[in-house]
Amino acid sequence: MSFCYNPIWKLLIDRRLKKTDLKRLCGFNAGIIASMSKNEPIPMEKLHVLLTKLDCRIEECVEFVNDHDMYPMYSKANAYCTTGVDELELD
């Protein structure tokens, strides 16, 4: 399971803000913005600051997605199988 920050980037575009504006407004360092850009988790305290400063709901900043939605190569249909296995049985 992973987080995706695409909603925050759309919100910034709608509000005509840039990542540097977000960094300055929230007091984030470059590492937090970089983590968000790579869809990596950030501390809850930082997320709280983000939501407070932008006056928005969590759904407007972050979405929770299954890894197989973001990375199809990890889906059950592409599960690892050994040589000689003719059919992969899915749950």
N, C-alpha and C. Protein backbone atom coordinates (compact mmCIF):
# COMPACT_ATOMS: atom_id res chain seq x y z
N MET A 1 0.84 -1.16 0.00
CA MET A 1 0.00 0.00 0.00
C MET A 1 0.90 1.24 0.00
N SER A 2 0.50 2.25 -0.75
CA SER A 2 1.32 3.44 -0.91
C SER A 2 0.47 4.70 -0.88
N PHE A 3 1.15 5.79 -0.70
CA PHE A 3 0.51 7.09 -0.77
C PHE A 3 0.89 7.75 -2.08
N CYS A 4 -0.02 8.53 -2.60
CA CYS A 4 0.21 9.26 -3.84
C CYS A 4 -0.16 10.72 -3.57
N TYR A 5 0.74 11.62 -3.89
CA TYR A 5 0.53 13.04 -3.62
C TYR A 5 0.05 13.81 -4.85
N ASN A 6 -0.43 13.12 -5.87
CA ASN A 6 -0.93 13.81 -7.06
C ASN A 6 -2.00 14.86 -6.74
N PRO A 7 -2.92 14.59 -5.79
CA PRO A 7 -3.93 15.61 -5.50
C PRO A 7 -3.35 16.94 -5.04
N ILE A 8 -2.25 16.92 -4.27
CA ILE A 8 -1.67 18.18 -3.81
C ILE A 8 -1.08 18.97 -4.97
N TRP A 9 -0.49 18.27 -5.93
CA TRP A 9 0.09 18.99 -7.07
C TRP A 9 -1.02 19.62 -7.90
N LYS A 10 -2.16 18.95 -8.03
CA LYS A 10 -3.31 19.53 -8.74
C LYS A 10 -3.86 20.73 -7.98
N LEU A 11 -3.91 20.61 -6.65
CA LEU A 11 -4.39 21.72 -5.82
C LEU A 11 -3.48 22.93 -5.97
N LEU A 12 -2.18 22.70 -5.98
CA LEU A 12 -1.24 23.81 -6.16
C LEU A 12 -1.44 24.49 -7.51
N ILE A 13 -1.67 23.71 -8.54
CA ILE A 13 -1.92 24.29 -9.86
C ILE A 13 -3.18 25.13 -9.84
N ASP A 14 -4.24 24.61 -9.23
CA ASP A 14 -5.50 25.34 -9.14
C ASP A 14 -5.34 26.65 -8.38
N ARG A 15 -4.48 26.66 -7.39
CA ARG A 15 -4.26 27.85 -6.57
C ARG A 15 -3.11 28.71 -7.09
N ARG A 16 -2.56 28.33 -8.22
CA ARG A 16 -1.45 29.04 -8.86
C ARG A 16 -0.24 29.18 -7.94
N LEU A 17 0.06 28.07 -7.28
CA LEU A 17 1.22 28.01 -6.40
C LEU A 17 2.24 27.04 -6.97
N LYS A 18 3.49 27.22 -6.58
CA LYS A 18 4.56 26.33 -7.00
C LYS A 18 5.07 25.56 -5.78
N LYS A 19 5.89 24.56 -6.03
CA LYS A 19 6.45 23.78 -4.93
C LYS A 19 7.28 24.66 -4.00
N THR A 20 7.94 25.66 -4.56
CA THR A 20 8.72 26.57 -3.71
C THR A 20 7.80 27.38 -2.80
N ASP A 21 6.61 27.74 -3.31
CA ASP A 21 5.63 28.45 -2.48
C ASP A 21 5.16 27.56 -1.34
N LEU A 22 4.92 26.29 -1.64
CA LEU A 22 4.50 25.32 -0.63
C LEU A 22 5.59 25.16 0.43
N LYS A 23 6.81 25.07 -0.01
CA LYS A 23 7.96 24.94 0.88
C LYS A 23 8.04 26.13 1.84
N ARG A 24 7.90 27.31 1.31
CA ARG A 24 7.98 28.53 2.11
C ARG A 24 6.78 28.66 3.05
N LEU A 25 5.58 28.42 2.53
CA LEU A 25 4.35 28.56 3.31
C LEU A 25 4.31 27.61 4.50
N CYS A 26 4.73 26.37 4.27
CA CYS A 26 4.65 25.33 5.31
C CYS A 26 5.92 25.20 6.13
N GLY A 27 6.99 25.85 5.70
CA GLY A 27 8.25 25.74 6.40
C GLY A 27 8.94 24.40 6.19
N PHE A 28 8.67 23.78 5.05
CA PHE A 28 9.26 22.48 4.73
C PHE A 28 10.66 22.66 4.19
N ASN A 29 11.49 21.64 4.42
CA ASN A 29 12.80 21.64 3.79
C ASN A 29 12.67 20.93 2.44
N ALA A 30 13.74 20.97 1.67
CA ALA A 30 13.70 20.37 0.33
C ALA A 30 13.46 18.87 0.39
N GLY A 31 13.88 18.22 1.48
CA GLY A 31 13.70 16.78 1.62
C GLY A 31 12.24 16.36 1.69
N ILE A 32 11.42 17.14 2.37
CA ILE A 32 9.99 16.83 2.47
C ILE A 32 9.34 16.94 1.10
N ILE A 33 9.63 18.00 0.38
CA ILE A 33 9.08 18.19 -0.96
C ILE A 33 9.57 17.07 -1.88
N ALA A 34 10.83 16.71 -1.77
CA ALA A 34 11.39 15.62 -2.59
C ALA A 34 10.69 14.30 -2.28
N SER A 35 10.46 14.02 -1.00
CA SER A 35 9.75 12.79 -0.62
C SER A 35 8.35 12.76 -1.21
N MET A 36 7.66 13.88 -1.14
CA MET A 36 6.31 13.96 -1.71
C MET A 36 6.35 13.76 -3.22
N SER A 37 7.35 14.33 -3.86
CA SER A 37 7.47 14.20 -5.31
C SER A 37 7.70 12.75 -5.74
N LYS A 38 8.31 11.97 -4.84
CA LYS A 38 8.57 10.56 -5.13
C LYS A 38 7.50 9.65 -4.53
N ASN A 39 6.41 10.23 -4.04
CA ASN A 39 5.32 9.49 -3.39
C ASN A 39 5.81 8.65 -2.21
N GLU A 40 6.77 9.21 -1.48
CA GLU A 40 7.26 8.56 -0.27
C GLU A 40 6.51 9.13 0.93
N PRO A 41 6.42 8.35 2.02
CA PRO A 41 5.69 8.86 3.19
C PRO A 41 6.40 10.05 3.83
N ILE A 42 5.60 10.94 4.41
CA ILE A 42 6.14 12.06 5.18
C ILE A 42 5.57 11.96 6.58
N PRO A 43 6.22 12.57 7.56
CA PRO A 43 5.72 12.52 8.93
C PRO A 43 4.31 13.15 9.04
N MET A 44 3.52 12.58 9.94
CA MET A 44 2.17 13.09 10.14
C MET A 44 2.16 14.55 10.56
N GLU A 45 3.17 14.98 11.30
CA GLU A 45 3.25 16.37 11.72
C GLU A 45 3.34 17.30 10.51
N LYS A 46 4.11 16.86 9.52
CA LYS A 46 4.25 17.66 8.29
C LYS A 46 2.94 17.69 7.51
N LEU A 47 2.26 16.55 7.49
CA LEU A 47 0.97 16.49 6.81
C LEU A 47 -0.04 17.41 7.50
N HIS A 48 0.00 17.45 8.82
CA HIS A 48 -0.88 18.33 9.59
C HIS A 48 -0.62 19.80 9.23
N VAL A 49 0.65 20.18 9.16
CA VAL A 49 1.01 21.55 8.79
C VAL A 49 0.49 21.85 7.39
N LEU A 50 0.68 20.93 6.47
CA LEU A 50 0.23 21.10 5.09
C LEU A 50 -1.28 21.36 5.03
N LEU A 51 -2.04 20.52 5.72
CA LEU A 51 -3.50 20.67 5.70
C LEU A 51 -3.94 21.97 6.35
N THR A 52 -3.28 22.35 7.43
CA THR A 52 -3.63 23.58 8.14
C THR A 52 -3.30 24.81 7.31
N LYS A 53 -2.10 24.86 6.77
CA LYS A 53 -1.67 26.04 6.01
C LYS A 53 -2.45 26.21 4.71
N LEU A 54 -2.82 25.11 4.07
CA LEU A 54 -3.58 25.21 2.82
C LEU A 54 -5.08 25.20 3.05
N ASP A 55 -5.48 25.01 4.31
CA ASP A 55 -6.89 24.98 4.68
C ASP A 55 -7.66 24.00 3.78
N CYS A 56 -7.23 22.75 3.82
CA CYS A 56 -7.86 21.74 2.98
C CYS A 56 -8.00 20.42 3.73
N ARG A 57 -8.71 19.51 3.12
CA ARG A 57 -8.91 18.17 3.69
C ARG A 57 -7.82 17.23 3.18
N ILE A 58 -7.63 16.15 3.89
CA ILE A 58 -6.57 15.21 3.54
C ILE A 58 -6.77 14.63 2.14
N GLU A 59 -8.04 14.42 1.73
CA GLU A 59 -8.31 13.87 0.40
C GLU A 59 -7.86 14.81 -0.72
N GLU A 60 -7.70 16.08 -0.39
CA GLU A 60 -7.26 17.05 -1.38
C GLU A 60 -5.74 17.07 -1.54
N CYS A 61 -5.05 16.33 -0.68
CA CYS A 61 -3.59 16.32 -0.71
C CYS A 61 -2.99 14.96 -0.99
N VAL A 62 -3.61 13.92 -0.44
CA VAL A 62 -3.02 12.59 -0.49
C VAL A 62 -4.09 11.58 -0.84
N GLU A 63 -3.71 10.59 -1.63
CA GLU A 63 -4.60 9.46 -1.84
C GLU A 63 -3.84 8.18 -1.54
N PHE A 64 -4.57 7.20 -1.05
CA PHE A 64 -4.01 5.92 -0.68
C PHE A 64 -4.31 4.95 -1.80
N VAL A 65 -3.27 4.33 -2.32
CA VAL A 65 -3.46 3.42 -3.45
C VAL A 65 -2.77 2.09 -3.19
N ASN A 66 -3.32 1.05 -3.76
CA ASN A 66 -2.66 -0.25 -3.70
C ASN A 66 -1.43 -0.21 -4.57
N ASP A 67 -0.39 -0.90 -4.16
CA ASP A 67 0.85 -0.92 -4.94
C ASP A 67 0.63 -1.43 -6.35
N HIS A 68 -0.27 -2.41 -6.52
CA HIS A 68 -0.47 -2.95 -7.86
C HIS A 68 -1.18 -1.96 -8.78
N ASP A 69 -1.83 -0.91 -8.20
CA ASP A 69 -2.41 0.14 -9.04
C ASP A 69 -1.33 1.08 -9.56
N MET A 70 -0.34 1.35 -8.70
CA MET A 70 0.75 2.25 -9.10
C MET A 70 1.84 1.53 -9.88
N TYR A 71 2.09 0.27 -9.49
CA TYR A 71 3.16 -0.50 -10.08
C TYR A 71 2.61 -1.84 -10.55
N PRO A 72 2.06 -1.89 -11.76
CA PRO A 72 1.42 -3.12 -12.24
C PRO A 72 2.30 -4.36 -12.18
N MET A 73 3.61 -4.21 -12.21
CA MET A 73 4.48 -5.38 -12.19
C MET A 73 4.39 -6.12 -10.86
N TYR A 74 3.80 -5.51 -9.84
CA TYR A 74 3.67 -6.17 -8.54
C TYR A 74 2.28 -6.75 -8.32
N SER A 75 1.42 -6.72 -9.31
CA SER A 75 0.07 -7.24 -9.14
C SER A 75 0.08 -8.76 -9.07
N LYS A 76 -1.02 -9.32 -8.58
CA LYS A 76 -1.13 -10.78 -8.46
C LYS A 76 -1.01 -11.47 -9.81
N ALA A 77 -1.52 -10.83 -10.84
CA ALA A 77 -1.48 -11.44 -12.17
C ALA A 77 -0.04 -11.61 -12.65
N ASN A 78 0.85 -10.78 -12.13
CA ASN A 78 2.26 -10.86 -12.52
C ASN A 78 3.11 -11.46 -11.42
N ALA A 79 2.49 -12.26 -10.55
CA ALA A 79 3.22 -12.85 -9.42
C ALA A 79 4.33 -13.75 -9.95
N TYR A 80 5.36 -13.88 -9.12
CA TYR A 80 6.47 -14.74 -9.51
C TYR A 80 6.00 -16.18 -9.60
N CYS A 81 6.48 -16.89 -10.56
CA CYS A 81 6.17 -18.32 -10.66
C CYS A 81 7.45 -19.06 -11.04
N THR A 82 7.47 -20.31 -10.73
CA THR A 82 8.67 -21.11 -11.01
C THR A 82 8.53 -21.81 -12.34
N THR A 83 9.64 -22.23 -12.88
CA THR A 83 9.64 -22.96 -14.14
C THR A 83 8.85 -24.24 -13.99
N GLY A 84 8.03 -24.55 -14.98
CA GLY A 84 7.25 -25.75 -14.95
C GLY A 84 5.83 -25.55 -14.45
N VAL A 85 5.52 -24.35 -13.93
CA VAL A 85 4.16 -24.08 -13.46
C VAL A 85 3.38 -23.59 -14.66
N ASP A 86 2.34 -24.33 -15.04
CA ASP A 86 1.56 -23.99 -16.23
C ASP A 86 0.54 -22.89 -15.97
N GLU A 87 0.00 -22.84 -14.76
CA GLU A 87 -1.09 -21.93 -14.50
C GLU A 87 -0.94 -21.34 -13.12
N LEU A 88 -1.19 -20.07 -13.00
CA LEU A 88 -1.12 -19.39 -11.72
C LEU A 88 -2.53 -19.28 -11.16
N GLU A 89 -2.75 -19.82 -9.99
CA GLU A 89 -4.07 -19.80 -9.39
C GLU A 89 -4.18 -18.58 -8.48
N LEU A 90 -5.15 -17.73 -8.77
CA LEU A 90 -5.37 -16.52 -7.99
C LEU A 90 -6.48 -16.74 -6.98
N ASP A 91 -6.40 -16.01 -5.87
CA ASP A 91 -7.45 -16.10 -4.85
C ASP A 91 -8.77 -15.58 -5.36
